[in-house]
Amino acid sequence: MLGRMYERENCSAARALELVGERWSLLIIRNAVFADMTRFSEFQRRLGIAPNILAKRLDDFLTNGLMELRPTDDTPGVHEYLLTPKGRELGLVVIALSEWGDRWAAPNGPPIRYEHDECGGPVHLATTCRTCGDAPAVDNIVAVAGPGATAEQRQRRARS
């Protein structure tokens, strides 16, 4: 079984996967962001996820600051799982993954579209260069050592 932690990786993508890389994680986030789900029973019913797995994922989200727990106003003893700004921002990851899936894994076309709620226009993510404004293709994007790079990573980049 693949481990959940990537201690050997000094990589923000690997660290993000430690938080949301398990099978149900982004689907729970998707439903919280785009279907306004907040209750354990809603997630379980709509996703068909086992209660023990859902409880573990939600506990991890609470521990890692992606969600916070709040008692409901209408039902004593019932709590809501509310996204924090950190968790809500994962909606952009869901959109990016959906766009890739629409292109490569949706033979009948996109099953869901994301639209701007104010004007109804389609929403998509785009990569742009902050310096020149171009939208480079993936082949024209390089990875370079950043401020959090290890000495080994800096040395590897210098040799490339």
N, C-alpha and C. Protein backbone atom coordinates (compact mmCIF):
# COMPACT_ATOMS: atom_id res chain seq x y z
N MET A 1 0.84 -1.18 0.00
CA MET A 1 0.00 0.00 0.00
C MET A 1 0.88 1.24 0.00
N LEU A 2 0.50 2.23 -0.78
CA LEU A 2 1.24 3.48 -0.87
C LEU A 2 1.07 4.27 0.41
N GLY A 3 2.16 4.75 0.95
CA GLY A 3 2.10 5.57 2.15
C GLY A 3 1.47 6.92 1.88
N ARG A 4 1.06 7.59 2.93
CA ARG A 4 0.39 8.87 2.81
C ARG A 4 1.34 10.05 2.88
N MET A 5 2.50 9.85 3.48
CA MET A 5 3.44 10.95 3.67
C MET A 5 4.60 10.83 2.67
N TYR A 6 5.12 11.95 2.29
CA TYR A 6 6.21 12.02 1.32
C TYR A 6 7.38 12.76 1.95
N GLU A 7 7.92 12.21 3.04
CA GLU A 7 8.96 12.89 3.80
C GLU A 7 10.19 13.22 2.95
N ARG A 8 10.50 12.37 1.98
CA ARG A 8 11.69 12.59 1.16
C ARG A 8 11.50 13.68 0.12
N GLU A 9 10.29 14.10 -0.08
CA GLU A 9 9.99 15.09 -1.11
C GLU A 9 9.90 16.49 -0.52
N ASN A 10 10.75 17.39 -0.99
CA ASN A 10 10.63 18.80 -0.65
C ASN A 10 9.91 19.44 -1.84
N CYS A 11 8.59 19.24 -1.85
CA CYS A 11 7.79 19.62 -3.01
C CYS A 11 6.39 20.01 -2.53
N SER A 12 5.92 21.17 -2.94
CA SER A 12 4.61 21.63 -2.51
C SER A 12 3.49 20.74 -3.04
N ALA A 13 3.65 20.18 -4.23
CA ALA A 13 2.63 19.26 -4.76
C ALA A 13 2.53 18.02 -3.87
N ALA A 14 3.67 17.47 -3.46
CA ALA A 14 3.67 16.30 -2.58
C ALA A 14 3.03 16.64 -1.23
N ARG A 15 3.33 17.82 -0.71
CA ARG A 15 2.74 18.23 0.57
C ARG A 15 1.23 18.40 0.44
N ALA A 16 0.77 18.94 -0.68
CA ALA A 16 -0.66 19.08 -0.90
C ALA A 16 -1.32 17.70 -0.99
N LEU A 17 -0.65 16.75 -1.64
CA LEU A 17 -1.20 15.40 -1.72
C LEU A 17 -1.31 14.75 -0.35
N GLU A 18 -0.44 15.10 0.58
CA GLU A 18 -0.55 14.58 1.93
C GLU A 18 -1.87 15.02 2.57
N LEU A 19 -2.37 16.19 2.17
CA LEU A 19 -3.62 16.72 2.73
C LEU A 19 -4.86 16.25 1.98
N VAL A 20 -4.78 16.17 0.65
CA VAL A 20 -5.99 15.89 -0.13
C VAL A 20 -5.80 14.82 -1.20
N GLY A 21 -4.76 14.02 -1.08
CA GLY A 21 -4.47 13.05 -2.14
C GLY A 21 -5.14 11.70 -1.98
N GLU A 22 -5.90 11.50 -0.93
CA GLU A 22 -6.58 10.22 -0.78
C GLU A 22 -7.85 10.19 -1.62
N ARG A 23 -8.29 8.99 -1.92
CA ARG A 23 -9.34 8.75 -2.91
C ARG A 23 -10.56 9.68 -2.82
N TRP A 24 -11.13 9.88 -1.65
CA TRP A 24 -12.37 10.64 -1.53
C TRP A 24 -12.17 12.13 -1.26
N SER A 25 -10.97 12.54 -0.95
CA SER A 25 -10.74 13.88 -0.43
C SER A 25 -11.24 15.00 -1.34
N LEU A 26 -10.84 15.00 -2.60
CA LEU A 26 -11.26 16.10 -3.47
C LEU A 26 -12.74 16.03 -3.82
N LEU A 27 -13.35 14.85 -3.75
CA LEU A 27 -14.79 14.77 -3.99
C LEU A 27 -15.56 15.38 -2.82
N ILE A 28 -15.06 15.18 -1.61
CA ILE A 28 -15.67 15.82 -0.44
C ILE A 28 -15.52 17.34 -0.57
N ILE A 29 -14.33 17.79 -0.91
CA ILE A 29 -14.09 19.22 -1.10
C ILE A 29 -14.97 19.76 -2.21
N ARG A 30 -15.05 19.04 -3.34
CA ARG A 30 -15.91 19.47 -4.46
C ARG A 30 -17.34 19.70 -3.98
N ASN A 31 -17.89 18.74 -3.22
CA ASN A 31 -19.27 18.87 -2.77
C ASN A 31 -19.44 19.98 -1.74
N ALA A 32 -18.41 20.21 -0.94
CA ALA A 32 -18.48 21.31 0.03
C ALA A 32 -18.45 22.66 -0.68
N VAL A 33 -17.58 22.79 -1.69
CA VAL A 33 -17.44 24.06 -2.39
C VAL A 33 -18.61 24.32 -3.33
N PHE A 34 -18.94 23.35 -4.17
CA PHE A 34 -19.87 23.62 -5.28
C PHE A 34 -21.29 23.11 -5.05
N ALA A 35 -21.51 22.29 -4.02
CA ALA A 35 -22.88 21.84 -3.70
C ALA A 35 -23.29 22.30 -2.30
N ASP A 36 -22.45 23.13 -1.69
CA ASP A 36 -22.73 23.70 -0.37
C ASP A 36 -23.06 22.66 0.69
N MET A 37 -22.46 21.49 0.60
CA MET A 37 -22.68 20.46 1.61
C MET A 37 -21.87 20.78 2.85
N THR A 38 -22.49 20.56 4.00
CA THR A 38 -21.82 20.83 5.27
C THR A 38 -22.01 19.71 6.29
N ARG A 39 -22.94 18.82 6.04
CA ARG A 39 -23.27 17.80 7.04
C ARG A 39 -22.74 16.42 6.66
N PHE A 40 -22.32 15.69 7.69
CA PHE A 40 -21.81 14.34 7.51
C PHE A 40 -22.78 13.50 6.70
N SER A 41 -24.07 13.56 7.05
CA SER A 41 -25.08 12.73 6.37
C SER A 41 -25.21 13.10 4.90
N GLU A 42 -25.06 14.37 4.55
CA GLU A 42 -25.12 14.78 3.14
C GLU A 42 -23.97 14.19 2.35
N PHE A 43 -22.76 14.32 2.88
CA PHE A 43 -21.58 13.77 2.19
C PHE A 43 -21.74 12.27 2.01
N GLN A 44 -22.15 11.58 3.07
CA GLN A 44 -22.26 10.13 3.01
C GLN A 44 -23.31 9.71 1.99
N ARG A 45 -24.46 10.32 2.02
CA ARG A 45 -25.55 9.96 1.11
C ARG A 45 -25.19 10.25 -0.35
N ARG A 46 -24.69 11.43 -0.64
CA ARG A 46 -24.41 11.81 -2.03
C ARG A 46 -23.21 11.09 -2.61
N LEU A 47 -22.19 10.85 -1.79
CA LEU A 47 -20.98 10.21 -2.30
C LEU A 47 -21.00 8.69 -2.18
N GLY A 48 -21.85 8.16 -1.29
CA GLY A 48 -21.87 6.72 -1.08
C GLY A 48 -20.60 6.23 -0.40
N ILE A 49 -20.00 7.05 0.40
CA ILE A 49 -18.74 6.75 1.08
C ILE A 49 -19.03 6.07 2.42
N ALA A 50 -18.19 5.12 2.79
CA ALA A 50 -18.34 4.45 4.08
C ALA A 50 -18.18 5.46 5.21
N PRO A 51 -18.99 5.34 6.27
CA PRO A 51 -18.94 6.32 7.35
C PRO A 51 -17.57 6.42 8.03
N ASN A 52 -16.88 5.31 8.20
CA ASN A 52 -15.56 5.37 8.85
C ASN A 52 -14.55 6.12 7.99
N ILE A 53 -14.62 5.94 6.69
CA ILE A 53 -13.70 6.65 5.78
C ILE A 53 -14.03 8.14 5.76
N LEU A 54 -15.32 8.46 5.67
CA LEU A 54 -15.73 9.86 5.67
C LEU A 54 -15.31 10.54 6.97
N ALA A 55 -15.52 9.86 8.09
CA ALA A 55 -15.14 10.44 9.38
C ALA A 55 -13.64 10.72 9.42
N LYS A 56 -12.84 9.81 8.92
CA LYS A 56 -11.38 9.99 8.90
C LYS A 56 -11.00 11.19 8.03
N ARG A 57 -11.57 11.28 6.83
CA ARG A 57 -11.25 12.39 5.93
C ARG A 57 -11.64 13.72 6.56
N LEU A 58 -12.84 13.80 7.12
CA LEU A 58 -13.29 15.05 7.73
C LEU A 58 -12.43 15.41 8.95
N ASP A 59 -12.06 14.42 9.75
CA ASP A 59 -11.16 14.69 10.88
C ASP A 59 -9.82 15.24 10.39
N ASP A 60 -9.30 14.65 9.32
CA ASP A 60 -8.04 15.15 8.76
C ASP A 60 -8.20 16.59 8.26
N PHE A 61 -9.33 16.89 7.63
CA PHE A 61 -9.57 18.26 7.16
C PHE A 61 -9.62 19.24 8.33
N LEU A 62 -10.24 18.83 9.43
CA LEU A 62 -10.28 19.67 10.62
C LEU A 62 -8.88 19.88 11.18
N THR A 63 -8.12 18.80 11.30
CA THR A 63 -6.76 18.86 11.84
C THR A 63 -5.87 19.76 11.01
N ASN A 64 -6.04 19.72 9.70
CA ASN A 64 -5.16 20.46 8.80
C ASN A 64 -5.71 21.84 8.40
N GLY A 65 -6.78 22.27 9.04
CA GLY A 65 -7.29 23.63 8.83
C GLY A 65 -8.02 23.84 7.52
N LEU A 66 -8.51 22.77 6.90
CA LEU A 66 -9.30 22.92 5.67
C LEU A 66 -10.77 23.14 5.97
N MET A 67 -11.21 22.64 7.12
CA MET A 67 -12.59 22.80 7.56
C MET A 67 -12.59 23.13 9.04
N GLU A 68 -13.72 23.65 9.50
CA GLU A 68 -13.93 23.85 10.92
C GLU A 68 -15.31 23.30 11.27
N LEU A 69 -15.47 22.89 12.50
CA LEU A 69 -16.71 22.28 12.96
C LEU A 69 -17.54 23.32 13.70
N ARG A 70 -18.84 23.35 13.39
CA ARG A 70 -19.73 24.30 14.06
C ARG A 70 -21.06 23.60 14.34
N PRO A 71 -21.62 23.78 15.53
CA PRO A 71 -22.93 23.19 15.80
C PRO A 71 -23.99 23.82 14.90
N THR A 72 -24.96 23.02 14.48
CA THR A 72 -26.04 23.56 13.66
C THR A 72 -27.01 24.33 14.54
N ASP A 73 -27.72 25.26 13.91
CA ASP A 73 -28.71 26.04 14.64
C ASP A 73 -30.01 25.27 14.81
N ASP A 74 -30.29 24.35 13.88
CA ASP A 74 -31.60 23.72 13.85
C ASP A 74 -31.69 22.34 14.51
N THR A 75 -30.56 21.66 14.69
CA THR A 75 -30.61 20.31 15.26
C THR A 75 -29.56 20.17 16.36
N PRO A 76 -29.98 20.08 17.60
CA PRO A 76 -29.02 19.92 18.70
C PRO A 76 -28.20 18.63 18.53
N GLY A 77 -26.91 18.74 18.80
CA GLY A 77 -26.03 17.58 18.71
C GLY A 77 -25.48 17.32 17.32
N VAL A 78 -25.97 18.05 16.32
CA VAL A 78 -25.49 17.88 14.94
C VAL A 78 -24.54 19.03 14.62
N HIS A 79 -23.46 18.70 13.92
CA HIS A 79 -22.46 19.71 13.57
C HIS A 79 -22.36 19.85 12.05
N GLU A 80 -21.88 21.01 11.64
CA GLU A 80 -21.60 21.27 10.23
C GLU A 80 -20.09 21.35 10.04
N TYR A 81 -19.66 20.89 8.88
CA TYR A 81 -18.26 21.00 8.48
C TYR A 81 -18.18 22.15 7.49
N LEU A 82 -17.59 23.25 7.93
CA LEU A 82 -17.52 24.45 7.10
C LEU A 82 -16.10 24.63 6.57
N LEU A 83 -15.99 24.93 5.30
CA LEU A 83 -14.69 25.18 4.69
C LEU A 83 -14.07 26.45 5.24
N THR A 84 -12.79 26.40 5.48
CA THR A 84 -12.03 27.60 5.81
C THR A 84 -11.59 28.20 4.47
N PRO A 85 -11.02 29.39 4.47
CA PRO A 85 -10.49 29.93 3.21
C PRO A 85 -9.47 28.98 2.56
N LYS A 86 -8.66 28.33 3.39
CA LYS A 86 -7.68 27.37 2.89
C LYS A 86 -8.37 26.21 2.17
N GLY A 87 -9.45 25.71 2.74
CA GLY A 87 -10.19 24.62 2.11
C GLY A 87 -10.97 25.07 0.89
N ARG A 88 -11.59 26.25 0.97
CA ARG A 88 -12.39 26.76 -0.15
C ARG A 88 -11.52 26.97 -1.39
N GLU A 89 -10.28 27.37 -1.20
CA GLU A 89 -9.40 27.60 -2.34
C GLU A 89 -9.12 26.32 -3.13
N LEU A 90 -9.32 25.16 -2.51
CA LEU A 90 -9.15 23.90 -3.22
C LEU A 90 -10.19 23.74 -4.33
N GLY A 91 -11.22 24.56 -4.33
CA GLY A 91 -12.17 24.56 -5.43
C GLY A 91 -11.48 24.81 -6.77
N LEU A 92 -10.43 25.60 -6.74
CA LEU A 92 -9.67 25.86 -7.98
C LEU A 92 -8.98 24.59 -8.46
N VAL A 93 -8.51 23.77 -7.53
CA VAL A 93 -7.89 22.50 -7.90
C VAL A 93 -8.93 21.58 -8.53
N VAL A 94 -10.13 21.58 -7.97
CA VAL A 94 -11.22 20.77 -8.52
C VAL A 94 -11.54 21.22 -9.95
N ILE A 95 -11.59 22.53 -10.17
CA ILE A 95 -11.85 23.03 -11.53
C ILE A 95 -10.74 22.61 -12.48
N ALA A 96 -9.49 22.73 -12.06
CA ALA A 96 -8.38 22.33 -12.92
C ALA A 96 -8.43 20.85 -13.24
N LEU A 97 -8.68 20.03 -12.24
CA LEU A 97 -8.77 18.59 -12.46
C LEU A 97 -9.96 18.25 -13.36
N SER A 98 -11.06 18.95 -13.17
CA SER A 98 -12.24 18.73 -14.02
C SER A 98 -11.97 19.11 -15.47
N GLU A 99 -11.27 20.21 -15.69
CA GLU A 99 -10.95 20.61 -17.06
C GLU A 99 -10.09 19.55 -17.74
N TRP A 100 -9.12 19.01 -17.02
CA TRP A 100 -8.29 17.93 -17.57
C TRP A 100 -9.17 16.71 -17.85
N GLY A 101 -10.05 16.36 -16.89
CA GLY A 101 -10.95 15.23 -17.07
C GLY A 101 -11.91 15.43 -18.23
N ASP A 102 -12.40 16.66 -18.42
CA ASP A 102 -13.29 16.95 -19.55
C ASP A 102 -12.60 16.67 -20.88
N ARG A 103 -11.32 16.97 -20.93
CA ARG A 103 -10.56 16.79 -22.16
C ARG A 103 -10.18 15.33 -22.40
N TRP A 104 -9.78 14.63 -21.34
CA TRP A 104 -9.17 13.30 -21.51
C TRP A 104 -9.99 12.14 -20.95
N ALA A 105 -11.02 12.39 -20.18
CA ALA A 105 -11.74 11.28 -19.54
C ALA A 105 -13.26 11.43 -19.59
N ALA A 106 -13.78 12.24 -20.49
CA ALA A 106 -15.23 12.45 -20.59
C ALA A 106 -15.67 12.24 -22.04
N PRO A 107 -15.84 10.97 -22.46
CA PRO A 107 -16.14 10.68 -23.86
C PRO A 107 -17.44 11.30 -24.37
N ASN A 108 -18.38 11.60 -23.46
CA ASN A 108 -19.65 12.20 -23.87
C ASN A 108 -19.71 13.69 -23.59
N GLY A 109 -18.57 14.28 -23.29
CA GLY A 109 -18.53 15.70 -23.00
C GLY A 109 -18.56 15.97 -21.51
N PRO A 110 -18.31 17.20 -21.12
CA PRO A 110 -18.24 17.55 -19.70
C PRO A 110 -19.56 17.26 -18.98
N PRO A 111 -19.53 16.51 -17.90
CA PRO A 111 -20.76 16.25 -17.15
C PRO A 111 -21.19 17.44 -16.30
N ILE A 112 -20.26 18.31 -15.97
CA ILE A 112 -20.54 19.50 -15.16
C ILE A 112 -19.78 20.67 -15.76
N ARG A 113 -20.41 21.82 -15.77
CA ARG A 113 -19.72 23.03 -16.20
C ARG A 113 -19.67 23.98 -15.00
N TYR A 114 -18.63 24.76 -14.95
CA TYR A 114 -18.50 25.76 -13.90
C TYR A 114 -18.78 27.12 -14.53
N GLU A 115 -19.68 27.88 -13.89
CA GLU A 115 -20.10 29.17 -14.42
C GLU A 115 -19.98 30.24 -13.35
N HIS A 116 -19.78 31.47 -13.80
CA HIS A 116 -19.77 32.64 -12.94
C HIS A 116 -21.21 32.88 -12.49
N ASP A 117 -21.47 32.89 -11.18
CA ASP A 117 -22.85 33.00 -10.70
C ASP A 117 -23.48 34.35 -11.01
N GLU A 118 -22.69 35.38 -11.25
CA GLU A 118 -23.26 36.70 -11.52
C GLU A 118 -23.67 36.91 -12.97
N CYS A 119 -22.90 36.34 -13.92
CA CYS A 119 -23.24 36.59 -15.32
C CYS A 119 -23.52 35.31 -16.11
N GLY A 120 -23.22 34.15 -15.53
CA GLY A 120 -23.48 32.89 -16.22
C GLY A 120 -22.40 32.48 -17.20
N GLY A 121 -21.33 33.26 -17.28
CA GLY A 121 -20.25 32.93 -18.21
C GLY A 121 -19.45 31.73 -17.74
N PRO A 122 -18.90 30.97 -18.69
CA PRO A 122 -18.10 29.80 -18.31
C PRO A 122 -16.82 30.21 -17.60
N VAL A 123 -16.44 29.43 -16.61
CA VAL A 123 -15.23 29.68 -15.84
C VAL A 123 -14.22 28.60 -16.17
N HIS A 124 -12.98 28.99 -16.41
CA HIS A 124 -11.90 28.03 -16.59
C HIS A 124 -10.63 28.62 -16.01
N LEU A 125 -9.68 27.75 -15.76
CA LEU A 125 -8.41 28.21 -15.22
C LEU A 125 -7.41 28.37 -16.35
N ALA A 126 -6.55 29.35 -16.21
CA ALA A 126 -5.55 29.61 -17.23
C ALA A 126 -4.21 29.86 -16.56
N THR A 127 -3.15 29.47 -17.22
CA THR A 127 -1.80 29.72 -16.74
C THR A 127 -1.25 30.93 -17.48
N THR A 128 -0.80 31.90 -16.72
CA THR A 128 -0.22 33.09 -17.36
C THR A 128 1.11 33.44 -16.69
N CYS A 129 1.99 33.99 -17.46
CA CYS A 129 3.26 34.48 -16.95
C CYS A 129 3.01 35.83 -16.29
N ARG A 130 3.47 35.98 -15.07
CA ARG A 130 3.26 37.23 -14.35
C ARG A 130 4.12 38.37 -14.89
N THR A 131 5.15 38.04 -15.64
CA THR A 131 6.01 39.09 -16.18
C THR A 131 5.50 39.61 -17.52
N CYS A 132 5.27 38.70 -18.49
CA CYS A 132 4.91 39.16 -19.83
C CYS A 132 3.44 38.98 -20.17
N GLY A 133 2.70 38.22 -19.35
CA GLY A 133 1.27 38.03 -19.61
C GLY A 133 0.95 36.91 -20.58
N ASP A 134 1.96 36.27 -21.18
CA ASP A 134 1.71 35.15 -22.09
C ASP A 134 1.08 33.98 -21.35
N ALA A 135 0.45 33.10 -22.12
CA ALA A 135 -0.12 31.86 -21.60
C ALA A 135 0.72 30.71 -22.15
N PRO A 136 1.84 30.37 -21.47
CA PRO A 136 2.74 29.36 -22.03
C PRO A 136 2.14 27.95 -21.97
N ALA A 137 2.49 27.15 -22.99
CA ALA A 137 2.13 25.73 -22.98
C ALA A 137 2.97 25.04 -21.92
N VAL A 138 2.53 23.87 -21.48
CA VAL A 138 3.26 23.12 -20.45
C VAL A 138 4.70 22.88 -20.88
N ASP A 139 4.93 22.62 -22.17
CA ASP A 139 6.28 22.37 -22.67
C ASP A 139 7.19 23.59 -22.51
N ASN A 140 6.61 24.77 -22.31
CA ASN A 140 7.39 25.99 -22.17
C ASN A 140 7.46 26.49 -20.73
N ILE A 141 7.15 25.60 -19.78
CA ILE A 141 7.24 25.94 -18.36
C ILE A 141 8.34 25.07 -17.76
N VAL A 142 9.25 25.70 -17.04
CA VAL A 142 10.35 24.97 -16.40
C VAL A 142 10.24 25.11 -14.89
N ALA A 143 10.74 24.13 -14.17
CA ALA A 143 10.79 24.18 -12.71
C ALA A 143 12.16 24.65 -12.29
N VAL A 144 12.21 25.68 -11.47
CA VAL A 144 13.48 26.21 -10.98
C VAL A 144 13.45 26.22 -9.45
N ALA A 145 14.61 26.23 -8.84
CA ALA A 145 14.69 26.22 -7.38
C ALA A 145 14.05 27.49 -6.81
N GLY A 146 13.22 27.30 -5.81
CA GLY A 146 12.56 28.42 -5.15
C GLY A 146 13.18 28.68 -3.79
N PRO A 147 12.64 29.63 -3.04
CA PRO A 147 13.23 30.00 -1.76
C PRO A 147 13.23 28.86 -0.73
N GLY A 148 12.33 27.89 -0.89
CA GLY A 148 12.29 26.78 0.05
C GLY A 148 13.07 25.56 -0.41
N ALA A 149 13.83 25.71 -1.50
CA ALA A 149 14.59 24.58 -2.04
C ALA A 149 15.73 24.19 -1.10
N THR A 150 16.04 22.91 -1.11
CA THR A 150 17.20 22.44 -0.35
C THR A 150 18.47 22.74 -1.15
N ALA A 151 19.61 22.62 -0.49
CA ALA A 151 20.88 22.83 -1.19
C ALA A 151 21.03 21.84 -2.34
N GLU A 152 20.59 20.61 -2.13
CA GLU A 152 20.67 19.59 -3.18
C GLU A 152 19.80 19.98 -4.38
N GLN A 153 18.61 20.48 -4.11
CA GLN A 153 17.74 20.91 -5.21
C GLN A 153 18.35 22.08 -5.97
N ARG A 154 18.96 23.01 -5.26
CA ARG A 154 19.61 24.15 -5.93
C ARG A 154 20.76 23.67 -6.80
N GLN A 155 21.53 22.72 -6.28
CA GLN A 155 22.66 22.18 -7.04
C GLN A 155 22.17 21.45 -8.29
N ARG A 156 21.12 20.66 -8.18
CA ARG A 156 20.56 19.95 -9.33
C ARG A 156 20.11 20.94 -10.41
N ARG A 157 19.48 22.02 -10.01
CA ARG A 157 18.99 23.02 -10.97
C ARG A 157 20.14 23.74 -11.64
N ALA A 158 21.23 23.94 -10.92
CA ALA A 158 22.39 24.63 -11.48
C ALA A 158 23.05 23.77 -12.57
N ARG A 159 23.01 22.45 -12.43
CA ARG A 159 23.62 21.55 -13.41
C ARG A 159 22.74 21.37 -14.64
N SER A 160 21.46 21.60 -14.52
CA SER A 160 20.53 21.36 -15.64
C SER A 160 20.75 22.34 -16.77
